Amino acid sequence: MQFSANLGFLWNDRPLPDAIRAAKAAGFGAVECHWPYDTPAADVSAALAETGLAMLGLNTRRGDVAGGENGLSALVGREADARAAIDEAIAYATEIGTRNIHVMAGFASGDAAHACFVANLRYACERAADAGITILIEPLNHYDAPGYFLATTAQAEVIMAEVGAPNLRLMFDCYHVQLMEGDLSHRLERLLPLIGHIQFASVPDRGAPDHGEVNYPFIFDKIAALGWQTPLGAEYKPGGDTDATLGWLTALR
């Protein structure tokens, strides 16, 4: 089992290229990030080439963060901004060799938001297909992101079926799914054909996966038994020095 360091949380006190190097030194097999756009893509590419790590994924911009936005693609009236963010993400991902983009829905609800999200995802999938990129959608729990449009895997299934694009996949974050739905083992097994990436963190505090209500060694064994081979995303909040939280990784290795 290989693991990917999510640099949105891990070593996020360092410039992104230095965080990539830290992940390599710690023994991670890949990296991923949230919003890398303030860092020149050439600098990220150089760090990836130096370390031999792949950047597995990145997110579209959230929009007006100071104004409370957390994604744009389900916001009626913001279609132009949403598609500009999608185009930006595809261009950046292409330059650094990333093959997954998480298109963030934002805070919205109702049928109009659903239609807006579907239309923007169709746009994203069409544009991403030309670059060989997969689009991901991720349900977020309503404790951390109350009002976020996409909240459950069942809702994601409906959206994916309606969009009907082969390069649209589910980001299965064990942390969010456990908080909203539970039953991780059976959901992983049933949804495996739809999953494009898997992430994890302890529940309920989103810390390292060595405590809390989820037995992650069991879950990791389950994922391996299902034949999953892509590195799993460690998207947890270290609450301090990242290196001090990596006992779980040492134990698993």
C-alpha atoms as a PDB file:
ATOM      1  CA  MET A   1       0.000   0.000   0.000  1.00  0.00           C
ATOM      2  CA  GLN A   2       1.349   3.392  -1.021  1.00  0.00           C
ATOM      3  CA  PHE A   3       0.295   6.760   0.394  1.00  0.00           C
ATOM      4  CA  SER A   4       0.057  10.270  -1.001  1.00  0.00           C
ATOM      5  CA  ALA A   5       0.747  13.315   1.170  1.00  0.00           C
ATOM      6  CA  ASN A   6      -1.925  15.986   0.834  1.00  0.00           C
ATOM      7  CA  LEU A   7       0.131  19.161   0.998  1.00  0.00           C
ATOM      8  CA  GLY A   8      -2.912  21.304   1.626  1.00  0.00           C
ATOM      9  CA  PHE A   9      -2.573  20.125   5.231  1.00  0.00           C
ATOM     10  CA  LEU A  10       0.792  18.369   5.582  1.00  0.00           C
ATOM     11  CA  TRP A  11       3.882  20.625   5.642  1.00  0.00           C
ATOM     12  CA  ASN A  12       1.644  23.520   4.634  1.00  0.00           C
ATOM     13  CA  ASP A  13       3.930  25.902   6.533  1.00  0.00           C
ATOM     14  CA  ARG A  14       6.507  25.473   3.752  1.00  0.00           C
ATOM     15  CA  PRO A  15       6.581  26.598   0.129  1.00  0.00           C
ATOM     16  CA  LEU A  16       4.966  23.928  -2.026  1.00  0.00           C
ATOM     17  CA  PRO A  17       8.228  22.733  -3.650  1.00  0.00           C
ATOM     18  CA  ASP A  18       9.781  22.272  -0.197  1.00  0.00           C
ATOM     19  CA  ALA A  19       6.682  20.416   1.006  1.00  0.00           C
ATOM     20  CA  ILE A  20       7.074  18.030  -1.935  1.00  0.00           C
ATOM     21  CA  ARG A  21      10.661  17.366  -0.897  1.00  0.00           C
ATOM     22  CA  ALA A  22       9.565  16.781   2.709  1.00  0.00           C
ATOM     23  CA  ALA A  23       6.981  14.243   1.578  1.00  0.00           C
ATOM     24  CA  LYS A  24       9.634  12.357  -0.351  1.00  0.00           C
ATOM     25  CA  ALA A  25      11.976  12.347   2.648  1.00  0.00           C
ATOM     26  CA  ALA A  26       9.182  11.013   4.875  1.00  0.00           C
ATOM     27  CA  GLY A  27       8.539   8.059   2.575  1.00  0.00           C
ATOM     28  CA  PHE A  28       5.349   9.036   0.768  1.00  0.00           C
ATOM     29  CA  GLY A  29       4.871   7.557  -2.693  1.00  0.00           C
ATOM     30  CA  ALA A  30       3.059  10.561  -4.183  1.00  0.00           C
ATOM     31  CA  VAL A  31       1.684  14.002  -3.328  1.00  0.00           C
ATOM     32  CA  GLU A  32      -1.514  15.957  -3.909  1.00  0.00           C
ATOM     33  CA  CYS A  33      -2.595  19.486  -3.068  1.00  0.00           C
ATOM     34  CA  HIS A  34      -5.513  21.880  -2.771  1.00  0.00           C
ATOM     35  CA  TRP A  35      -4.857  25.210  -4.512  1.00  0.00           C
ATOM     36  CA  PRO A  36      -1.303  25.469  -5.873  1.00  0.00           C
ATOM     37  CA  TYR A  37      -1.909  28.489  -8.087  1.00  0.00           C
ATOM     38  CA  ASP A  38       0.243  30.981  -6.174  1.00  0.00           C
ATOM     39  CA  THR A  39       3.284  28.801  -6.883  1.00  0.00           C
ATOM     40  CA  PRO A  40       4.694  28.894 -10.420  1.00  0.00           C
ATOM     41  CA  ALA A  41       3.979  25.597 -12.131  1.00  0.00           C
ATOM     42  CA  ALA A  42       7.593  25.395 -13.280  1.00  0.00           C
ATOM     43  CA  ASP A  43       8.762  25.344  -9.633  1.00  0.00           C
ATOM     44  CA  VAL A  44       6.341  22.544  -8.788  1.00  0.00           C
ATOM     45  CA  SER A  45       7.378  20.565 -11.860  1.00  0.00           C
ATOM     46  CA  ALA A  46      11.026  20.905 -10.894  1.00  0.00           C
ATOM     47  CA  ALA A  47      10.384  19.589  -7.373  1.00  0.00           C
ATOM     48  CA  LEU A  48       8.353  16.684  -8.736  1.00  0.00           C
ATOM     49  CA  ALA A  49      11.114  15.802 -11.190  1.00  0.00           C
ATOM     50  CA  GLU A  50      13.755  16.044  -8.460  1.00  0.00           C
ATOM     51  CA  THR A  51      11.865  13.736  -6.095  1.00  0.00           C
ATOM     52  CA  GLY A  52      10.319  11.408  -8.657  1.00  0.00           C
ATOM     53  CA  LEU A  53       6.880  11.924  -7.082  1.00  0.00           C
ATOM     54  CA  ALA A  54       3.663  12.434  -9.010  1.00  0.00           C
ATOM     55  CA  MET A  55       1.153  15.137  -8.077  1.00  0.00           C
ATOM     56  CA  LEU A  56      -2.047  13.076  -8.039  1.00  0.00           C
ATOM     57  CA  GLY A  57      -4.597  15.875  -7.856  1.00  0.00           C
ATOM     58  CA  LEU A  58      -5.525  19.490  -7.220  1.00  0.00           C
ATOM     59  CA  ASN A  59      -8.721  21.493  -6.696  1.00  0.00           C
ATOM     60  CA  THR A  60     -10.429  24.218  -8.669  1.00  0.00           C
ATOM     61  CA  ARG A  61     -10.362  27.582  -6.918  1.00  0.00           C
ATOM     62  CA  ARG A  62     -12.979  28.200  -4.233  1.00  0.00           C
ATOM     63  CA  GLY A  63     -13.928  31.680  -5.437  1.00  0.00           C
ATOM     64  CA  ASP A  64     -14.319  34.558  -2.973  1.00  0.00           C
ATOM     65  CA  VAL A  65     -12.997  32.858   0.150  1.00  0.00           C
ATOM     66  CA  ALA A  66     -13.249  36.030   2.238  1.00  0.00           C
ATOM     67  CA  GLY A  67     -16.893  36.221   1.200  1.00  0.00           C
ATOM     68  CA  GLY A  68     -17.518  32.657   2.327  1.00  0.00           C
ATOM     69  CA  GLU A  69     -17.344  30.801  -0.974  1.00  0.00           C
ATOM     70  CA  ASN A  70     -16.092  27.226  -1.133  1.00  0.00           C
ATOM     71  CA  GLY A  71     -16.363  26.367  -4.811  1.00  0.00           C
ATOM     72  CA  LEU A  72     -18.250  27.787  -7.774  1.00  0.00           C
ATOM     73  CA  SER A  73     -19.623  25.049  -9.990  1.00  0.00           C
ATOM     74  CA  ALA A  74     -23.089  24.727  -8.408  1.00  0.00           C
ATOM     75  CA  LEU A  75     -23.605  28.487  -8.038  1.00  0.00           C
ATOM     76  CA  VAL A  76     -26.277  29.761 -10.402  1.00  0.00           C
ATOM     77  CA  GLY A  77     -25.122  32.981 -12.022  1.00  0.00           C
ATOM     78  CA  ARG A  78     -21.415  32.184 -11.534  1.00  0.00           C
ATOM     79  CA  GLU A  79     -21.051  29.901 -14.542  1.00  0.00           C
ATOM     80  CA  ALA A  80     -18.429  32.076 -16.240  1.00  0.00           C
ATOM     81  CA  ASP A  81     -16.307  32.169 -13.079  1.00  0.00           C
ATOM     82  CA  ALA A  82     -16.723  28.428 -12.539  1.00  0.00           C
ATOM     83  CA  ARG A  83     -15.592  27.636 -16.072  1.00  0.00           C
ATOM     84  CA  ALA A  84     -12.652  30.019 -15.825  1.00  0.00           C
ATOM     85  CA  ALA A  85     -11.584  28.160 -12.671  1.00  0.00           C
ATOM     86  CA  ILE A  86     -11.947  24.839 -14.492  1.00  0.00           C
ATOM     87  CA  ASP A  87      -9.850  26.092 -17.413  1.00  0.00           C
ATOM     88  CA  GLU A  88      -7.189  27.384 -15.023  1.00  0.00           C
ATOM     89  CA  ALA A  89      -7.033  24.055 -13.185  1.00  0.00           C
ATOM     90  CA  ILE A  90      -6.712  22.081 -16.423  1.00  0.00           C
ATOM     91  CA  ALA A  91      -3.912  24.336 -17.663  1.00  0.00           C
ATOM     92  CA  TYR A  92      -1.999  24.097 -14.365  1.00  0.00           C
ATOM     93  CA  ALA A  93      -2.545  20.340 -14.067  1.00  0.00           C
ATOM     94  CA  THR A  94      -1.356  19.812 -17.617  1.00  0.00           C
ATOM     95  CA  GLU A  95       1.836  21.758 -16.974  1.00  0.00           C
ATOM     96  CA  ILE A  96       2.762  19.736 -13.870  1.00  0.00           C
ATOM     97  CA  GLY A  97       1.535  16.352 -15.123  1.00  0.00           C
ATOM     98  CA  THR A  98      -1.423  15.982 -12.760  1.00  0.00           C
ATOM     99  CA  ARG A  99      -4.178  13.642 -13.912  1.00  0.00           C
ATOM    100  CA  ASN A 100      -7.009  14.457 -11.467  1.00  0.00           C
ATOM    101  CA  ILE A 101      -8.896  17.696 -10.808  1.00  0.00           C
ATOM    102  CA  HIS A 102     -11.463  18.057  -8.032  1.00  0.00           C
ATOM    103  CA  VAL A 103     -14.174  20.434  -9.265  1.00  0.00           C
ATOM    104  CA  MET A 104     -15.609  22.115  -6.180  1.00  0.00           C
ATOM    105  CA  ALA A 105     -19.374  22.611  -6.095  1.00  0.00           C
ATOM    106  CA  GLY A 106     -19.747  25.337  -3.460  1.00  0.00           C
ATOM    107  CA  PHE A 107     -22.514  26.300  -1.059  1.00  0.00           C
ATOM    108  CA  ALA A 108     -25.853  25.899  -2.823  1.00  0.00           C
ATOM    109  CA  SER A 109     -29.032  23.820  -2.838  1.00  0.00           C
ATOM    110  CA  GLY A 110     -32.050  23.003  -4.957  1.00  0.00           C
ATOM    111  CA  ASP A 111     -32.837  21.926  -8.493  1.00  0.00           C
ATOM    112  CA  ALA A 112     -31.282  24.963 -10.148  1.00  0.00           C
ATOM    113  CA  ALA A 113     -27.984  24.334  -8.363  1.00  0.00           C
ATOM    114  CA  HIS A 114     -28.126  20.697  -9.413  1.00  0.00           C
ATOM    115  CA  ALA A 115     -28.641  21.649 -13.060  1.00  0.00           C
ATOM    116  CA  CYS A 116     -25.847  24.211 -12.850  1.00  0.00           C
ATOM    117  CA  PHE A 117     -23.415  21.691 -11.354  1.00  0.00           C
ATOM    118  CA  VAL A 118     -24.265  19.088 -13.995  1.00  0.00           C
ATOM    119  CA  ALA A 119     -23.763  21.589 -16.826  1.00  0.00           C
ATOM    120  CA  ASN A 120     -20.426  22.769 -15.443  1.00  0.00           C
ATOM    121  CA  LEU A 121     -19.249  19.193 -14.922  1.00  0.00           C
ATOM    122  CA  ARG A 122     -20.089  18.348 -18.516  1.00  0.00           C
ATOM    123  CA  TYR A 123     -18.009  21.330 -19.573  1.00  0.00           C
ATOM    124  CA  ALA A 124     -15.158  20.250 -17.275  1.00  0.00           C
ATOM    125  CA  CYS A 125     -15.210  16.648 -18.468  1.00  0.00           C
ATOM    126  CA  GLU A 126     -15.201  17.646 -22.119  1.00  0.00           C
ATOM    127  CA  ARG A 127     -12.286  20.043 -21.677  1.00  0.00           C
ATOM    128  CA  ALA A 128     -10.365  17.649 -19.420  1.00  0.00           C
ATOM    129  CA  ALA A 129     -10.768  14.704 -21.783  1.00  0.00           C
ATOM    130  CA  ASP A 130      -8.654  16.472 -24.387  1.00  0.00           C
ATOM    131  CA  ALA A 131      -5.834  16.648 -21.824  1.00  0.00           C
ATOM    132  CA  GLY A 132      -6.251  13.078 -20.537  1.00  0.00           C
ATOM    133  CA  ILE A 133      -7.440  14.367 -17.156  1.00  0.00           C
ATOM    134  CA  THR A 134     -10.081  12.884 -14.840  1.00  0.00           C
ATOM    135  CA  ILE A 135     -12.591  15.146 -13.089  1.00  0.00           C
ATOM    136  CA  LEU A 136     -13.385  14.293  -9.469  1.00  0.00           C
ATOM    137  CA  ILE A 137     -16.345  15.295  -7.315  1.00  0.00           C
ATOM    138  CA  GLU A 138     -16.205  14.930  -3.541  1.00  0.00           C
ATOM    139  CA  PRO A 139     -19.035  14.846  -0.994  1.00  0.00           C
ATOM    140  CA  LEU A 140     -18.171  17.015   2.028  1.00  0.00           C
ATOM    141  CA  ASN A 141     -19.681  16.482   5.459  1.00  0.00           C
ATOM    142  CA  HIS A 142     -22.150  19.000   6.857  1.00  0.00           C
ATOM    143  CA  TYR A 143     -20.204  19.517  10.096  1.00  0.00           C
ATOM    144  CA  ASP A 144     -17.142  21.009   8.404  1.00  0.00           C
ATOM    145  CA  ALA A 145     -18.942  22.417   5.357  1.00  0.00           C
ATOM    146  CA  PRO A 146     -22.592  23.123   6.249  1.00  0.00           C
ATOM    147  CA  GLY A 147     -24.544  23.998   3.140  1.00  0.00           C
ATOM    148  CA  TYR A 148     -22.072  22.466   0.690  1.00  0.00           C
ATOM    149  CA  PHE A 149     -24.019  21.286  -2.326  1.00  0.00           C
ATOM    150  CA  LEU A 150     -22.596  17.758  -2.532  1.00  0.00           C
ATOM    151  CA  ALA A 151     -22.925  15.897   0.762  1.00  0.00           C
ATOM    152  CA  THR A 152     -23.341  12.146   0.122  1.00  0.00           C
ATOM    153  CA  THR A 153     -22.088   9.427  -2.167  1.00  0.00           C
ATOM    154  CA  ALA A 154     -25.698   8.680  -3.195  1.00  0.00           C
ATOM    155  CA  GLN A 155     -26.083  12.255  -4.439  1.00  0.00           C
ATOM    156  CA  ALA A 156     -22.765  11.931  -6.268  1.00  0.00           C
ATOM    157  CA  GLU A 157     -23.958   8.755  -7.992  1.00  0.00           C
ATOM    158  CA  VAL A 158     -27.048  10.556  -9.332  1.00  0.00           C
ATOM    159  CA  ILE A 159     -24.937  13.437 -10.638  1.00  0.00           C
ATOM    160  CA  MET A 160     -22.376  11.166 -12.255  1.00  0.00           C
ATOM    161  CA  ALA A 161     -25.081   9.177 -14.019  1.00  0.00           C
ATOM    162  CA  GLU A 162     -26.679  12.373 -15.318  1.00  0.00           C
ATOM    163  CA  VAL A 163     -23.404  13.849 -16.552  1.00  0.00           C
ATOM    164  CA  GLY A 164     -22.592  10.567 -18.256  1.00  0.00           C
ATOM    165  CA  ALA A 165     -18.891  11.254 -18.828  1.00  0.00           C
ATOM    166  CA  PRO A 166     -16.348   8.412 -18.590  1.00  0.00           C
ATOM    167  CA  ASN A 167     -13.751  10.724 -17.060  1.00  0.00           C
ATOM    168  CA  LEU A 168     -15.954  11.806 -14.135  1.00  0.00           C
ATOM    169  CA  ARG A 169     -15.115   9.905 -10.946  1.00  0.00           C
ATOM    170  CA  LEU A 170     -15.839   9.974  -7.218  1.00  0.00           C
ATOM    171  CA  MET A 171     -13.358  11.260  -4.654  1.00  0.00           C
ATOM    172  CA  PHE A 172     -14.063   8.909  -1.747  1.00  0.00           C
ATOM    173  CA  ASP A 173     -12.790  10.614   1.404  1.00  0.00           C
ATOM    174  CA  CYS A 174     -13.226   8.126   4.242  1.00  0.00           C
ATOM    175  CA  TYR A 175     -13.383  10.978   6.746  1.00  0.00           C
ATOM    176  CA  HIS A 176     -16.315  12.730   5.081  1.00  0.00           C
ATOM    177  CA  VAL A 177     -18.142   9.508   4.206  1.00  0.00           C
ATOM    178  CA  GLN A 178     -17.857   8.125   7.724  1.00  0.00           C
ATOM    179  CA  LEU A 179     -19.320  11.305   9.217  1.00  0.00           C
ATOM    180  CA  MET A 180     -22.247  11.428   6.790  1.00  0.00           C
ATOM    181  CA  GLU A 181     -22.981   7.789   5.964  1.00  0.00           C
ATOM    182  CA  GLY A 182     -20.702   5.302   7.736  1.00  0.00           C
ATOM    183  CA  ASP A 183     -20.417   1.683   6.569  1.00  0.00           C
ATOM    184  CA  LEU A 184     -17.070   2.359   4.910  1.00  0.00           C
ATOM    185  CA  SER A 185     -16.195  -1.203   3.960  1.00  0.00           C
ATOM    186  CA  HIS A 186     -19.420  -1.941   2.109  1.00  0.00           C
ATOM    187  CA  ARG A 187     -19.498   1.488   0.455  1.00  0.00           C
ATOM    188  CA  LEU A 188     -15.934   1.118  -0.776  1.00  0.00           C
ATOM    189  CA  GLU A 189     -16.751  -2.280  -2.234  1.00  0.00           C
ATOM    190  CA  ARG A 190     -19.973  -1.154  -3.926  1.00  0.00           C
ATOM    191  CA  LEU A 191     -18.662   2.165  -5.222  1.00  0.00           C
ATOM    192  CA  LEU A 192     -15.230   0.971  -6.323  1.00  0.00           C
ATOM    193  CA  PRO A 193     -16.101   1.125 -10.054  1.00  0.00           C
ATOM    194  CA  LEU A 194     -16.933   4.846  -9.633  1.00  0.00           C
ATOM    195  CA  ILE A 195     -13.985   5.868  -7.449  1.00  0.00           C
ATOM    196  CA  GLY A 196     -11.108   7.900  -8.852  1.00  0.00           C
ATOM    197  CA  HIS A 197      -9.237   8.656  -5.628  1.00  0.00           C
ATOM    198  CA  ILE A 198      -9.423   7.683  -1.937  1.00  0.00           C
ATOM    199  CA  GLN A 199      -8.486   9.907   0.999  1.00  0.00           C
ATOM    200  CA  PHE A 200      -8.499   9.436   4.765  1.00  0.00           C
ATOM    201  CA  ALA A 201      -8.174  11.079   8.176  1.00  0.00           C
ATOM    202  CA  SER A 202      -9.171  10.136  11.702  1.00  0.00           C
ATOM    203  CA  VAL A 203     -12.797  10.597  12.709  1.00  0.00           C
ATOM    204  CA  PRO A 204     -14.091  12.822  14.203  1.00  0.00           C
ATOM    205  CA  ASP A 205     -11.100  15.171  14.654  1.00  0.00           C
ATOM    206  CA  ARG A 206      -9.518  14.869  11.156  1.00  0.00           C
ATOM    207  CA  GLY A 207      -6.137  14.075  12.623  1.00  0.00           C
ATOM    208  CA  ALA A 208      -3.620  11.362  11.790  1.00  0.00           C
ATOM    209  CA  PRO A 209      -5.166   7.924  11.126  1.00  0.00           C
ATOM    210  CA  ASP A 210      -3.865   6.356  14.331  1.00  0.00           C
ATOM    211  CA  HIS A 211      -6.838   7.089  16.603  1.00  0.00           C
ATOM    212  CA  GLY A 212     -10.558   7.767  16.529  1.00  0.00           C
ATOM    213  CA  GLU A 213     -13.561   5.686  15.536  1.00  0.00           C
ATOM    214  CA  VAL A 214     -12.210   4.253  12.259  1.00  0.00           C
ATOM    215  CA  ASN A 215      -9.828   1.287  12.361  1.00  0.00           C
ATOM    216  CA  TYR A 216      -7.684   2.348   9.422  1.00  0.00           C
ATOM    217  CA  PRO A 217      -5.373  -0.690   9.277  1.00  0.00           C
ATOM    218  CA  PHE A 218      -8.533  -2.736   8.668  1.00  0.00           C
ATOM    219  CA  ILE A 219      -9.800  -0.252   6.059  1.00  0.00           C
ATOM    220  CA  PHE A 220      -6.443  -0.166   4.283  1.00  0.00           C
ATOM    221  CA  ASP A 221      -6.410  -3.974   4.149  1.00  0.00           C
ATOM    222  CA  LYS A 222      -9.944  -3.909   2.733  1.00  0.00           C
ATOM    223  CA  ILE A 223      -8.926  -1.428   0.030  1.00  0.00           C
ATOM    224  CA  ALA A 224      -5.903  -3.540  -0.873  1.00  0.00           C
ATOM    225  CA  ALA A 225      -8.063  -6.676  -1.046  1.00  0.00           C
ATOM    226  CA  LEU A 226     -10.343  -4.881  -3.512  1.00  0.00           C
ATOM    227  CA  GLY A 227      -7.358  -4.524  -5.829  1.00  0.00           C
ATOM    228  CA  TRP A 228      -6.838  -0.779  -5.414  1.00  0.00           C
ATOM    229  CA  GLN A 229      -3.300   0.206  -6.409  1.00  0.00           C
ATOM    230  CA  THR A 230      -3.206   4.023  -6.510  1.00  0.00           C
ATOM    231  CA  PRO A 231      -1.642   5.740  -3.457  1.00  0.00           C
ATOM    232  CA  LEU A 232      -4.200   6.685  -0.795  1.00  0.00           C
ATOM    233  CA  GLY A 233      -4.394  10.367   0.092  1.00  0.00           C
ATOM    234  CA  ALA A 234      -3.386  11.330   3.630  1.00  0.00           C
ATOM    235  CA  GLU A 235      -5.549  14.440   3.934  1.00  0.00           C
ATOM    236  CA  TYR A 236      -5.422  15.047   7.668  1.00  0.00           C
ATOM    237  CA  LYS A 237      -4.686  18.031   9.859  1.00  0.00           C
ATOM    238  CA  PRO A 238      -1.450  17.429  11.765  1.00  0.00           C
ATOM    239  CA  GLY A 239      -2.161  20.076  14.419  1.00  0.00           C
ATOM    240  CA  GLY A 240       1.520  21.018  14.567  1.00  0.00           C
ATOM    241  CA  ASP A 241       4.732  19.587  13.169  1.00  0.00           C
ATOM    242  CA  THR A 242       3.815  17.139  10.406  1.00  0.00           C
ATOM    243  CA  ASP A 243       6.846  14.910  10.941  1.00  0.00           C
ATOM    244  CA  ALA A 244       5.767  14.303  14.542  1.00  0.00           C
ATOM    245  CA  THR A 245       2.495  12.737  13.332  1.00  0.00           C
ATOM    246  CA  LEU A 246       3.945  10.129  10.971  1.00  0.00           C
ATOM    247  CA  GLY A 247       4.178   7.184  13.343  1.00  0.00           C
ATOM    248  CA  TRP A 248       1.261   5.553  11.514  1.00  0.00           C
ATOM    249  CA  LEU A 249       3.227   5.639   8.251  1.00  0.00           C
ATOM    250  CA  THR A 250       6.321   4.141   9.872  1.00  0.00           C
ATOM    251  CA  ALA A 251       4.228   1.374  11.444  1.00  0.00           C
ATOM    252  CA  LEU A 252       2.541   0.493   8.152  1.00  0.00           C
ATOM    253  CA  ARG A 253       5.827   0.404   6.274  1.00  0.00           C
END
